[in-house]
Protein backbone atom coordinates (compact mmCIF):
# COMPACT_ATOMS: atom_id res chain seq x y z
CA MET A 1 -144.57 73.36 231.30
CA ILE A 2 -142.65 73.79 234.53
CA GLU A 3 -139.13 74.96 233.95
CA GLN A 4 -136.56 73.24 236.14
CA PRO A 5 -133.42 75.12 237.11
CA ARG A 6 -130.18 73.63 235.89
CA ARG A 7 -127.93 72.19 238.51
CA ARG A 8 -124.60 73.92 238.80
CA PRO A 9 -121.56 71.95 239.90
CA PRO A 10 -120.08 72.86 243.27
CA LEU A 11 -116.77 74.71 243.42
CA PRO A 12 -114.58 71.62 244.20
CA ILE A 13 -115.99 69.84 241.14
CA VAL A 14 -115.50 72.92 238.96
CA ALA A 15 -111.85 73.08 240.05
CA VAL A 16 -111.21 69.38 239.34
CA ALA A 17 -113.12 69.35 236.04
CA LEU A 18 -111.40 72.46 234.68
CA THR A 19 -107.96 71.25 235.76
CA THR A 20 -108.66 67.88 234.14
CA ALA A 21 -109.72 69.63 230.94
CA LEU A 22 -106.50 71.66 230.99
CA VAL A 23 -104.50 68.44 231.38
CA ALA A 24 -106.36 67.02 228.37
CA VAL A 25 -105.42 70.08 226.30
CA ALA A 26 -101.78 69.78 227.41
CA VAL A 27 -101.73 66.09 226.44
CA LEU A 28 -103.28 66.94 223.07
CA VAL A 29 -100.73 69.69 222.39
CA SER A 30 -97.92 67.32 223.36
CA ALA A 31 -99.35 64.63 221.10
CA MET A 32 -99.57 66.99 218.14
CA ALA A 33 -95.90 67.90 218.63
CA SER A 34 -94.90 64.24 218.30
CA SER A 35 -95.20 61.97 215.29
CA GLY A 36 -96.36 58.51 214.35
CA SER A 37 -98.17 56.29 216.80
CA SER A 38 -97.39 58.64 219.68
CA ARG A 39 -99.63 61.23 218.04
CA ILE A 40 -102.54 58.79 217.77
CA ILE A 41 -102.18 57.41 221.30
CA GLY A 42 -101.76 60.90 222.74
CA SER A 43 -104.85 62.14 220.91
CA MET A 44 -106.92 59.21 222.14
CA THR A 45 -105.67 59.76 225.69
CA ALA A 46 -106.55 63.46 225.48
CA LEU A 47 -110.07 62.61 224.31
CA LEU A 48 -110.53 60.14 227.16
CA VAL A 49 -109.33 62.68 229.73
CA LEU A 50 -111.59 65.34 228.21
CA GLY A 51 -114.51 62.89 228.45
CA LEU A 52 -113.61 62.33 232.10
CA ALA A 53 -113.70 66.08 232.74
CA TYR A 54 -117.11 66.31 231.04
CA GLY A 55 -118.42 63.41 233.13
CA LEU A 56 -117.26 65.11 236.33
CA TRP A 57 -118.98 68.32 235.23
CA ARG A 58 -122.24 66.43 234.57
CA GLY A 59 -122.12 64.52 237.87
CA SER A 60 -121.40 61.02 236.60
CA GLY A 61 -120.54 58.56 239.34
CA ARG A 62 -118.43 56.56 236.90
CA ALA A 63 -116.37 59.63 236.07
CA ARG A 64 -115.87 60.24 239.79
CA PHE A 65 -114.72 56.64 240.27
CA TRP A 66 -112.26 56.72 237.34
CA ALA A 67 -110.94 60.15 238.28
CA SER A 68 -110.33 58.94 241.83
CA VAL A 69 -108.64 55.76 240.61
CA SER A 70 -106.39 57.62 238.15
CA ALA A 71 -105.46 60.31 240.69
CA THR A 72 -104.63 57.65 243.28
CA ALA A 73 -102.53 55.75 240.73
CA SER A 74 -100.78 59.01 239.85
CA ALA A 75 -99.99 59.66 243.51
CA VAL A 76 -98.61 56.15 243.94
CA TYR A 77 -96.58 56.49 240.73
CA ALA A 78 -95.13 59.77 241.98
CA VAL A 79 -93.78 58.20 245.17
CA VAL A 80 -93.14 54.49 244.62
CA PRO A 81 -90.62 54.43 241.73
CA HIS A 82 -88.42 57.03 243.38
CA PHE A 83 -86.60 56.29 246.59
CA GLY A 84 -85.74 59.97 246.86
CA VAL A 85 -88.68 62.27 246.27
CA ASP A 86 -87.81 65.12 243.93
CA ALA A 87 -89.77 68.35 243.43
CA SER A 88 -91.81 67.15 240.45
CA GLY A 89 -92.74 63.89 242.18
CA LEU A 90 -93.79 65.79 245.29
CA PHE A 91 -95.86 68.21 243.18
CA GLN A 92 -97.54 65.31 241.36
CA PHE A 93 -98.29 63.60 244.67
CA VAL A 94 -99.80 66.75 246.21
CA VAL A 95 -101.94 67.56 243.16
CA SER A 96 -103.22 63.98 242.98
CA ALA A 97 -104.03 63.94 246.69
CA VAL A 98 -105.89 67.25 246.37
CA PHE A 99 -107.91 65.85 243.44
CA VAL A 100 -108.95 62.80 245.42
CA GLY A 101 -109.74 64.98 248.42
CA LEU A 102 -111.89 67.36 246.38
CA LEU A 103 -113.81 64.50 244.80
CA LEU A 104 -114.46 62.48 247.95
CA VAL A 105 -114.39 64.71 251.05
CA PRO A 106 -116.61 67.81 250.70
CA ALA A 107 -120.31 67.23 251.28
CA SER A 108 -121.13 69.30 248.19
CA SER A 109 -119.05 66.93 246.03
CA ARG A 110 -120.68 63.84 247.47
CA GLU A 111 -124.15 65.34 246.92
CA TRP A 112 -123.26 66.32 243.36
CA PHE A 113 -122.65 62.71 242.37
CA HIS A 114 -125.64 61.28 244.22
CA ALA A 115 -128.35 63.79 243.30
CA PRO A 116 -130.49 63.14 240.21
CA SER A 117 -129.44 65.23 237.25
CA ALA A 118 -131.72 67.81 235.69
CA PRO A 119 -132.62 67.41 232.00
């Protein structure tokens, strides 16, 4: 049997996937500190975000789409509700823009989501 090498994600995807996983852990910790329905909704959100990070790591085009959509929505949310941009809104905008840039711009990222995955 011919052994196929495993594909390794490119550095931009590693950065986005690991950061997304860290966000999922932060949401889960925050959810566990709350009570009632907030705990359940926070836990479900954390699992969805963790699934998104896993999909990015595996090269799923759907995960790339949803990560791009959520990062764009986050960037818009950081700027639109505030007429004066504060430091946290600016930070959220920059991080979201970097996420979208890392997912869509580098050639290695584009190839990662269009190449067939190894078993």
